[in-house]
Each structure stands twice: as structure tokens, then as C-alpha cells.
Amino acid sequence: MSPEPKPQKTALRSHRVTPGQHKQKRRPTTRGTETRILVIEAAVDCICTEGFAATTMKRIAARAGVTWGVMQYHFGDRGGLLSAVLDAGYEHLTRRLQEIEIRGDNLQERVQGLVDVGWDIFGAPIARACFEIILATRSEMTPRSASRDRLLVVAKELKESSDQLLAQTLGQKQPPKKAQRVFISALRGFAFEYMQYPSNYDYKHEREALADVLTAYLQTLEKK
């Protein structure tokens, strides 16, 4: 039976040239990359514990133990920092989905493993912080905005990765569309509820119920 996934601290990796660095024509250094990761992790922690509205550059700087000048150098402003958090979150989601290998002796065990690992990814602080940023800034995402274009690209990549993962679980080339939508939508729903009522709740019973529903649906398709 698939083992229960263990919570992991998100490994953020970002080597992109930031707005502040671009203006000064500087390339990121190893120390600079470490500082960026430290600040992004502080921003994620602040969003998850205090909420988006209370997440100011001053609070993030205090959590990260850096000065305002350092923040401005690496990210430019609050918008630049939030964009960096989104980039790190997208990388986390897509990379983790691609790294997963689902094992199990039967369909029920494989589906349960898929749901458990899926929640390990979507319930991670970096993922929840990204969801909260998207919700809070959705009014700024006009049809022609770069943020909206990026979201569409990431949504496509996320769908493709989850499709491949579900196909791997079922041993099929193409997973059922309804199963894929329910899988992703349910995990997002768990994450959004967690954002409203932060606690140590692990959604174990909900994950088991989701796995039961998906397994039952997939078994009906096998009989057709």
C-alpha cells in the first residue's frame, strides 16, 4: 500500500534576473539566490499565517531578517516579490507532479496514493500562498495582462502533468476527463478551505472519501 506522504519543506529554486537586478544590469550570485529564497520563504510564511492583506514588505523583511534596501534590490517592490512567489509556487507544483511515482497492488491503493501525494503538493505552504495571491489580485488580471497569460500557461502545464500522473496510476494512455477534473478540483477545494481555517488538520477522511469516489467511478468505466 502506498505510504503516507511526509510533509516536506518546499525547496525553492530561483535563478531568474529580478526587476531590481535587471535595471542595474547585474546577474544573480549564489549568495543573492540564497537571499531571494530566504525572502520568498518569509513571504510565504507571512501570507499563510497572517493573510494576504497583512503581508507587507516591512513584515516580510522582519521575518527574513533583511533590510528594505535588500528587498528592493532583489524584487523592486511588493508586486515583484509576489511575482517571485508565484514563480516559485508554479515550479513547485509542476516539478513535484512530474517527480511522483504511484505504486500499489490494486486500483484502490494506487488512487489513494495519488490523492495523498496530491494533497501533499497542493496543501504545501508555497501552493496555498500562491492560491491566496491569485485570489487577492484577480481583479488586476485583465485579458491582456502578463499575469493572466502566465496563469493560462501554468494551468495548461498543471493539467498536462496531472493527466500524466492519473494515466500512470490507471495504467492508461489517456485518463478519463471527469476523473481528472474531480481530482484537481477537490485538492484545490481542500487547500482553499485550509486557507480559511488554518490548522493542523490533514484532511485524512476527506482524502479517503475522494479516493473511494474516484475508485468507484473508474471501476464502473472498466466494466463498460
C-alpha atoms as a PDB file:
ATOM      1  CA  MET A   1       0.000   0.000   0.000  1.00  0.00           C
ATOM      2  CA  SER A   2       1.266   3.483  -0.825  1.00  0.00           C
ATOM      3  CA  PRO A   3       2.948   5.081   2.212  1.00  0.00           C
ATOM      4  CA  GLU A   4       1.510   8.225   3.770  1.00  0.00           C
ATOM      5  CA  PRO A   5       3.392  11.202   2.266  1.00  0.00           C
ATOM      6  CA  LYS A   6       5.589  13.054   4.712  1.00  0.00           C
ATOM      7  CA  PRO A   7       5.379  16.864   4.834  1.00  0.00           C
ATOM      8  CA  GLN A   8       8.439  18.414   3.270  1.00  0.00           C
ATOM      9  CA  LYS A   9       9.810  21.908   3.367  1.00  0.00           C
ATOM     10  CA  THR A  10       9.483  23.352  -0.085  1.00  0.00           C
ATOM     11  CA  ALA A  11      12.808  23.609  -1.850  1.00  0.00           C
ATOM     12  CA  LEU A  12      12.639  26.910  -3.680  1.00  0.00           C
ATOM     13  CA  ARG A  13      14.940  27.337  -6.610  1.00  0.00           C
ATOM     14  CA  SER A  14      15.029  30.617  -8.479  1.00  0.00           C
ATOM     15  CA  HIS A  15      17.860  31.916 -10.648  1.00  0.00           C
ATOM     16  CA  ARG A  16      15.875  34.442 -12.675  1.00  0.00           C
ATOM     17  CA  VAL A  17      17.084  38.005 -13.016  1.00  0.00           C
ATOM     18  CA  THR A  18      14.854  40.138 -10.816  1.00  0.00           C
ATOM     19  CA  PRO A  19      13.400  43.564 -11.682  1.00  0.00           C
ATOM     20  CA  GLY A  20      15.899  45.292  -9.414  1.00  0.00           C
ATOM     21  CA  GLN A  21      18.832  43.362 -10.868  1.00  0.00           C
ATOM     22  CA  HIS A  22      17.676  43.914 -14.437  1.00  0.00           C
ATOM     23  CA  LYS A  23      17.661  47.690 -14.002  1.00  0.00           C
ATOM     24  CA  GLN A  24      21.191  47.579 -12.629  1.00  0.00           C
ATOM     25  CA  LYS A  25      22.373  45.027 -15.253  1.00  0.00           C
ATOM     26  CA  ARG A  26      23.534  42.593 -12.600  1.00  0.00           C
ATOM     27  CA  ARG A  27      23.428  38.832 -12.671  1.00  0.00           C
ATOM     28  CA  PRO A  28      22.275  36.828  -9.617  1.00  0.00           C
ATOM     29  CA  THR A  29      25.041  35.349  -7.461  1.00  0.00           C
ATOM     30  CA  THR A  30      24.920  32.275  -5.235  1.00  0.00           C
ATOM     31  CA  ARG A  31      24.578  34.476  -2.164  1.00  0.00           C
ATOM     32  CA  GLY A  32      21.964  36.565  -3.915  1.00  0.00           C
ATOM     33  CA  THR A  33      19.978  33.458  -4.818  1.00  0.00           C
ATOM     34  CA  GLU A  34      20.072  32.299  -1.197  1.00  0.00           C
ATOM     35  CA  THR A  35      18.804  35.694  -0.078  1.00  0.00           C
ATOM     36  CA  ARG A  36      15.972  35.582  -2.611  1.00  0.00           C
ATOM     37  CA  ILE A  37      14.940  32.145  -1.383  1.00  0.00           C
ATOM     38  CA  LEU A  38      15.041  33.343   2.232  1.00  0.00           C
ATOM     39  CA  VAL A  39      12.797  36.318   1.430  1.00  0.00           C
ATOM     40  CA  ILE A  40      10.370  34.246  -0.664  1.00  0.00           C
ATOM     41  CA  GLU A  41      10.055  31.724   2.164  1.00  0.00           C
ATOM     42  CA  ALA A  42       9.407  34.588   4.606  1.00  0.00           C
ATOM     43  CA  ALA A  43       6.708  35.956   2.276  1.00  0.00           C
ATOM     44  CA  VAL A  44       5.064  32.528   2.026  1.00  0.00           C
ATOM     45  CA  ASP A  45       5.100  32.138   5.797  1.00  0.00           C
ATOM     46  CA  CYS A  46       3.639  35.613   6.268  1.00  0.00           C
ATOM     47  CA  ILE A  47       0.818  35.019   3.763  1.00  0.00           C
ATOM     48  CA  CYS A  48      -0.074  31.633   5.253  1.00  0.00           C
ATOM     49  CA  THR A  49      -0.060  32.773   8.869  1.00  0.00           C
ATOM     50  CA  GLU A  50      -1.275  36.382   8.662  1.00  0.00           C
ATOM     51  CA  GLY A  51      -3.156  36.550   5.366  1.00  0.00           C
ATOM     52  CA  PHE A  52      -2.517  38.446   2.136  1.00  0.00           C
ATOM     53  CA  ALA A  53      -3.750  41.840   3.346  1.00  0.00           C
ATOM     54  CA  ALA A  54      -1.358  41.847   6.312  1.00  0.00           C
ATOM     55  CA  THR A  55       1.617  40.774   4.214  1.00  0.00           C
ATOM     56  CA  THR A  56       3.630  43.945   3.802  1.00  0.00           C
ATOM     57  CA  MET A  57       7.227  44.361   2.685  1.00  0.00           C
ATOM     58  CA  LYS A  58       8.075  45.538   6.207  1.00  0.00           C
ATOM     59  CA  ARG A  59       6.682  42.380   7.809  1.00  0.00           C
ATOM     60  CA  ILE A  60       8.401  40.150   5.276  1.00  0.00           C
ATOM     61  CA  ALA A  61      11.730  41.927   5.764  1.00  0.00           C
ATOM     62  CA  ALA A  62      11.433  41.450   9.527  1.00  0.00           C
ATOM     63  CA  ARG A  63      10.724  37.729   9.118  1.00  0.00           C
ATOM     64  CA  ALA A  64      13.606  37.304   6.697  1.00  0.00           C
ATOM     65  CA  GLY A  65      15.984  39.417   8.786  1.00  0.00           C
ATOM     66  CA  VAL A  66      16.952  41.691   5.881  1.00  0.00           C
ATOM     67  CA  THR A  67      16.735  45.417   5.204  1.00  0.00           C
ATOM     68  CA  TRP A  68      14.354  47.298   2.912  1.00  0.00           C
ATOM     69  CA  GLY A  69      17.279  48.003   0.582  1.00  0.00           C
ATOM     70  CA  VAL A  70      17.930  44.292   0.149  1.00  0.00           C
ATOM     71  CA  MET A  71      14.265  43.678  -0.616  1.00  0.00           C
ATOM     72  CA  GLN A  72      14.202  46.458  -3.196  1.00  0.00           C
ATOM     73  CA  TYR A  73      17.424  45.279  -4.813  1.00  0.00           C
ATOM     74  CA  HIS A  74      16.145  41.743  -5.351  1.00  0.00           C
ATOM     75  CA  PHE A  75      12.460  42.344  -6.081  1.00  0.00           C
ATOM     76  CA  GLY A  76      11.903  46.021  -6.807  1.00  0.00           C
ATOM     77  CA  ASP A  77       8.593  46.318  -4.969  1.00  0.00           C
ATOM     78  CA  ARG A  78       5.797  44.245  -3.439  1.00  0.00           C
ATOM     79  CA  GLY A  79       4.470  43.317  -6.861  1.00  0.00           C
ATOM     80  CA  GLY A  80       7.859  41.992  -7.896  1.00  0.00           C
ATOM     81  CA  LEU A  81       8.094  39.902  -4.752  1.00  0.00           C
ATOM     82  CA  LEU A  82       4.603  38.444  -5.217  1.00  0.00           C
ATOM     83  CA  SER A  83       5.506  37.543  -8.794  1.00  0.00           C
ATOM     84  CA  ALA A  84       8.591  35.745  -7.490  1.00  0.00           C
ATOM     85  CA  VAL A  85       6.431  33.805  -5.020  1.00  0.00           C
ATOM     86  CA  LEU A  86       4.115  32.775  -7.872  1.00  0.00           C
ATOM     87  CA  ASP A  87       7.069  31.664  -9.979  1.00  0.00           C
ATOM     88  CA  ALA A  88       8.395  29.553  -7.093  1.00  0.00           C
ATOM     89  CA  GLY A  89       4.940  28.094  -6.496  1.00  0.00           C
ATOM     90  CA  TYR A  90       4.413  27.158 -10.127  1.00  0.00           C
ATOM     91  CA  GLU A  91       7.810  25.489 -10.199  1.00  0.00           C
ATOM     92  CA  HIS A  92       6.940  23.580  -7.015  1.00  0.00           C
ATOM     93  CA  LEU A  93       3.612  22.325  -8.384  1.00  0.00           C
ATOM     94  CA  THR A  94       4.819  21.237 -11.807  1.00  0.00           C
ATOM     95  CA  ARG A  95       8.112  19.737 -10.604  1.00  0.00           C
ATOM     96  CA  ARG A  96       6.527  17.736  -7.792  1.00  0.00           C
ATOM     97  CA  LEU A  97       3.787  16.414 -10.061  1.00  0.00           C
ATOM     98  CA  GLN A  98       6.402  15.247 -12.553  1.00  0.00           C
ATOM     99  CA  GLU A  99       8.513  13.563  -9.858  1.00  0.00           C
ATOM    100  CA  ILE A 100       5.735  11.398  -8.421  1.00  0.00           C
ATOM    101  CA  GLU A 101       5.683   7.644  -8.863  1.00  0.00           C
ATOM    102  CA  ILE A 102       2.485   5.941  -7.739  1.00  0.00           C
ATOM    103  CA  ARG A 103       2.617   2.350  -6.521  1.00  0.00           C
ATOM    104  CA  GLY A 104       0.019  -0.058  -5.215  1.00  0.00           C
ATOM    105  CA  ASP A 105      -1.230  -3.629  -5.579  1.00  0.00           C
ATOM    106  CA  ASN A 106      -4.676  -2.599  -6.778  1.00  0.00           C
ATOM    107  CA  LEU A 107      -6.626   0.351  -8.141  1.00  0.00           C
ATOM    108  CA  GLN A 108      -7.866   1.500  -4.708  1.00  0.00           C
ATOM    109  CA  GLU A 109      -4.335   1.671  -3.287  1.00  0.00           C
ATOM    110  CA  ARG A 110      -2.948   3.472  -6.336  1.00  0.00           C
ATOM    111  CA  VAL A 111      -5.741   6.048  -6.332  1.00  0.00           C
ATOM    112  CA  GLN A 112      -5.360   6.596  -2.588  1.00  0.00           C
ATOM    113  CA  GLY A 113      -1.632   7.123  -3.087  1.00  0.00           C
ATOM    114  CA  LEU A 114      -2.349   9.608  -5.857  1.00  0.00           C
ATOM    115  CA  VAL A 115      -4.761  11.600  -3.682  1.00  0.00           C
ATOM    116  CA  ASP A 116      -2.410  11.582  -0.687  1.00  0.00           C
ATOM    117  CA  VAL A 117       0.590  12.802  -2.646  1.00  0.00           C
ATOM    118  CA  GLY A 118      -1.605  15.304  -4.463  1.00  0.00           C
ATOM    119  CA  TRP A 119      -2.641  16.831  -1.147  1.00  0.00           C
ATOM    120  CA  ASP A 120       0.977  16.866  -0.014  1.00  0.00           C
ATOM    121  CA  ILE A 121       1.662  19.112  -3.020  1.00  0.00           C
ATOM    122  CA  PHE A 122      -1.448  21.314  -3.032  1.00  0.00           C
ATOM    123  CA  GLY A 123      -1.527  21.672   0.742  1.00  0.00           C
ATOM    124  CA  ALA A 124       2.085  22.853   0.949  1.00  0.00           C
ATOM    125  CA  PRO A 125       2.570  26.449   2.194  1.00  0.00           C
ATOM    126  CA  ILE A 126       4.000  27.642  -1.131  1.00  0.00           C
ATOM    127  CA  ALA A 127       0.942  26.356  -3.019  1.00  0.00           C
ATOM    128  CA  ARG A 128      -1.526  27.886  -0.551  1.00  0.00           C
ATOM    129  CA  ALA A 129       0.310  31.210  -0.671  1.00  0.00           C
ATOM    130  CA  CYS A 130       0.034  31.226  -4.464  1.00  0.00           C
ATOM    131  CA  PHE A 131      -3.694  30.471  -4.354  1.00  0.00           C
ATOM    132  CA  GLU A 132      -4.184  33.361  -1.950  1.00  0.00           C
ATOM    133  CA  ILE A 133      -2.176  35.749  -4.136  1.00  0.00           C
ATOM    134  CA  ILE A 134      -4.206  34.771  -7.202  1.00  0.00           C
ATOM    135  CA  LEU A 135      -7.492  35.300  -5.374  1.00  0.00           C
ATOM    136  CA  ALA A 136      -6.428  38.674  -3.986  1.00  0.00           C
ATOM    137  CA  THR A 137      -5.072  40.022  -7.286  1.00  0.00           C
ATOM    138  CA  ARG A 138      -7.550  38.535  -9.756  1.00  0.00           C
ATOM    139  CA  SER A 139      -9.111  41.958 -10.454  1.00  0.00           C
ATOM    140  CA  GLU A 140      -5.751  43.105 -11.811  1.00  0.00           C
ATOM    141  CA  MET A 141      -5.549  40.252 -14.328  1.00  0.00           C
ATOM    142  CA  THR A 142      -7.046  41.822 -17.420  1.00  0.00           C
ATOM    143  CA  PRO A 143      -7.352  39.806 -20.669  1.00  0.00           C
ATOM    144  CA  ARG A 144      -4.113  41.367 -21.936  1.00  0.00           C
ATOM    145  CA  SER A 145      -2.081  41.276 -18.732  1.00  0.00           C
ATOM    146  CA  ALA A 146       1.157  39.312 -18.493  1.00  0.00           C
ATOM    147  CA  SER A 147      -0.053  37.778 -15.217  1.00  0.00           C
ATOM    148  CA  ARG A 148      -3.118  36.319 -16.901  1.00  0.00           C
ATOM    149  CA  ASP A 149      -1.051  34.907 -19.761  1.00  0.00           C
ATOM    150  CA  ARG A 150       1.294  33.271 -17.281  1.00  0.00           C
ATOM    151  CA  LEU A 151      -1.612  31.771 -15.356  1.00  0.00           C
ATOM    152  CA  LEU A 152      -3.011  30.263 -18.538  1.00  0.00           C
ATOM    153  CA  VAL A 153       0.343  28.695 -19.395  1.00  0.00           C
ATOM    154  CA  VAL A 154       0.756  27.289 -15.888  1.00  0.00           C
ATOM    155  CA  ALA A 155      -2.823  25.984 -15.865  1.00  0.00           C
ATOM    156  CA  LYS A 156      -2.103  24.112 -19.092  1.00  0.00           C
ATOM    157  CA  GLU A 157       1.127  22.657 -17.702  1.00  0.00           C
ATOM    158  CA  LEU A 158      -0.633  21.668 -14.482  1.00  0.00           C
ATOM    159  CA  LYS A 159      -3.386  19.898 -16.417  1.00  0.00           C
ATOM    160  CA  GLU A 160      -0.869  18.028 -18.570  1.00  0.00           C
ATOM    161  CA  SER A 161       1.160  16.938 -15.532  1.00  0.00           C
ATOM    162  CA  SER A 162      -1.922  15.782 -13.613  1.00  0.00           C
ATOM    163  CA  ASP A 163      -3.197  13.960 -16.715  1.00  0.00           C
ATOM    164  CA  GLN A 164       0.085  12.087 -16.995  1.00  0.00           C
ATOM    165  CA  LEU A 165       0.043  11.263 -13.305  1.00  0.00           C
ATOM    166  CA  LEU A 166      -3.520   9.954 -13.402  1.00  0.00           C
ATOM    167  CA  ALA A 167      -2.727   7.964 -16.551  1.00  0.00           C
ATOM    168  CA  GLN A 168       0.257   6.425 -14.753  1.00  0.00           C
ATOM    169  CA  THR A 169      -1.967   5.494 -11.815  1.00  0.00           C
ATOM    170  CA  LEU A 170      -4.511   3.810 -14.086  1.00  0.00           C
ATOM    171  CA  GLY A 171      -2.010   2.286 -16.464  1.00  0.00           C
ATOM    172  CA  GLN A 172      -3.662   4.090 -19.395  1.00  0.00           C
ATOM    173  CA  LYS A 173      -2.531   6.488 -22.093  1.00  0.00           C
ATOM    174  CA  GLN A 174      -5.422   8.916 -21.590  1.00  0.00           C
ATOM    175  CA  PRO A 175      -7.152   9.332 -18.199  1.00  0.00           C
ATOM    176  CA  PRO A 176     -10.920   9.954 -18.029  1.00  0.00           C
ATOM    177  CA  LYS A 177     -11.566  13.717 -18.185  1.00  0.00           C
ATOM    178  CA  LYS A 178     -14.149  13.691 -15.402  1.00  0.00           C
ATOM    179  CA  ALA A 179     -11.792  11.884 -13.021  1.00  0.00           C
ATOM    180  CA  GLN A 180      -9.005  14.343 -13.766  1.00  0.00           C
ATOM    181  CA  ARG A 181     -11.240  17.362 -13.114  1.00  0.00           C
ATOM    182  CA  VAL A 182     -12.603  15.958  -9.872  1.00  0.00           C
ATOM    183  CA  PHE A 183      -9.088  15.089  -8.676  1.00  0.00           C
ATOM    184  CA  ILE A 184      -7.677  18.590  -9.219  1.00  0.00           C
ATOM    185  CA  SER A 185     -10.829  20.458  -8.144  1.00  0.00           C
ATOM    186  CA  ALA A 186     -11.093  18.537  -4.869  1.00  0.00           C
ATOM    187  CA  LEU A 187      -7.462  19.196  -3.950  1.00  0.00           C
ATOM    188  CA  ARG A 188      -7.896  22.885  -4.675  1.00  0.00           C
ATOM    189  CA  GLY A 189     -11.031  22.884  -2.540  1.00  0.00           C
ATOM    190  CA  PHE A 190      -9.151  21.338   0.384  1.00  0.00           C
ATOM    191  CA  ALA A 191      -6.439  23.996   0.007  1.00  0.00           C
ATOM    192  CA  PHE A 192      -8.923  26.891  -0.103  1.00  0.00           C
ATOM    193  CA  GLU A 193     -10.738  25.613   2.965  1.00  0.00           C
ATOM    194  CA  TYR A 194      -7.418  25.252   4.764  1.00  0.00           C
ATOM    195  CA  MET A 195      -6.667  28.897   3.903  1.00  0.00           C
ATOM    196  CA  GLN A 196      -9.864  29.986   5.653  1.00  0.00           C
ATOM    197  CA  TYR A 197      -9.408  27.812   8.735  1.00  0.00           C
ATOM    198  CA  PRO A 198      -5.658  27.206   9.163  1.00  0.00           C
ATOM    199  CA  SER A 199      -4.912  24.312  11.493  1.00  0.00           C
ATOM    200  CA  ASN A 200      -3.024  21.034  11.628  1.00  0.00           C
ATOM    201  CA  TYR A 201      -5.952  19.199  10.072  1.00  0.00           C
ATOM    202  CA  ASP A 202      -4.675  16.759   7.436  1.00  0.00           C
ATOM    203  CA  TYR A 203      -7.946  16.005   5.583  1.00  0.00           C
ATOM    204  CA  LYS A 204      -7.332  12.278   6.034  1.00  0.00           C
ATOM    205  CA  HIS A 205     -11.019  11.337   5.996  1.00  0.00           C
ATOM    206  CA  GLU A 206     -11.745  13.648   3.059  1.00  0.00           C
ATOM    207  CA  ARG A 207      -8.816  12.187   1.136  1.00  0.00           C
ATOM    208  CA  GLU A 208     -10.076   8.691   1.779  1.00  0.00           C
ATOM    209  CA  ALA A 209     -13.571   9.673   0.624  1.00  0.00           C
ATOM    210  CA  LEU A 210     -12.164  11.260  -2.541  1.00  0.00           C
ATOM    211  CA  ALA A 211     -10.156   8.131  -3.288  1.00  0.00           C
ATOM    212  CA  ASP A 212     -13.266   5.981  -2.748  1.00  0.00           C
ATOM    213  CA  VAL A 213     -15.332   8.124  -5.129  1.00  0.00           C
ATOM    214  CA  LEU A 214     -12.665   8.150  -7.820  1.00  0.00           C
ATOM    215  CA  THR A 215     -12.053   4.419  -7.495  1.00  0.00           C
ATOM    216  CA  ALA A 216     -15.750   3.606  -7.712  1.00  0.00           C
ATOM    217  CA  TYR A 217     -16.136   5.799 -10.793  1.00  0.00           C
ATOM    218  CA  LEU A 218     -13.090   4.294 -12.506  1.00  0.00           C
ATOM    219  CA  GLN A 219     -14.288   0.767 -11.742  1.00  0.00           C
ATOM    220  CA  THR A 220     -17.639   1.492 -13.450  1.00  0.00           C
ATOM    221  CA  LEU A 221     -15.719   2.565 -16.556  1.00  0.00           C
ATOM    222  CA  GLU A 222     -13.736  -0.683 -16.529  1.00  0.00           C
ATOM    223  CA  LYS A 223     -16.955  -2.682 -16.585  1.00  0.00           C
ATOM    224  CA  LYS A 224     -18.294  -0.894 -19.668  1.00  0.00           C
END
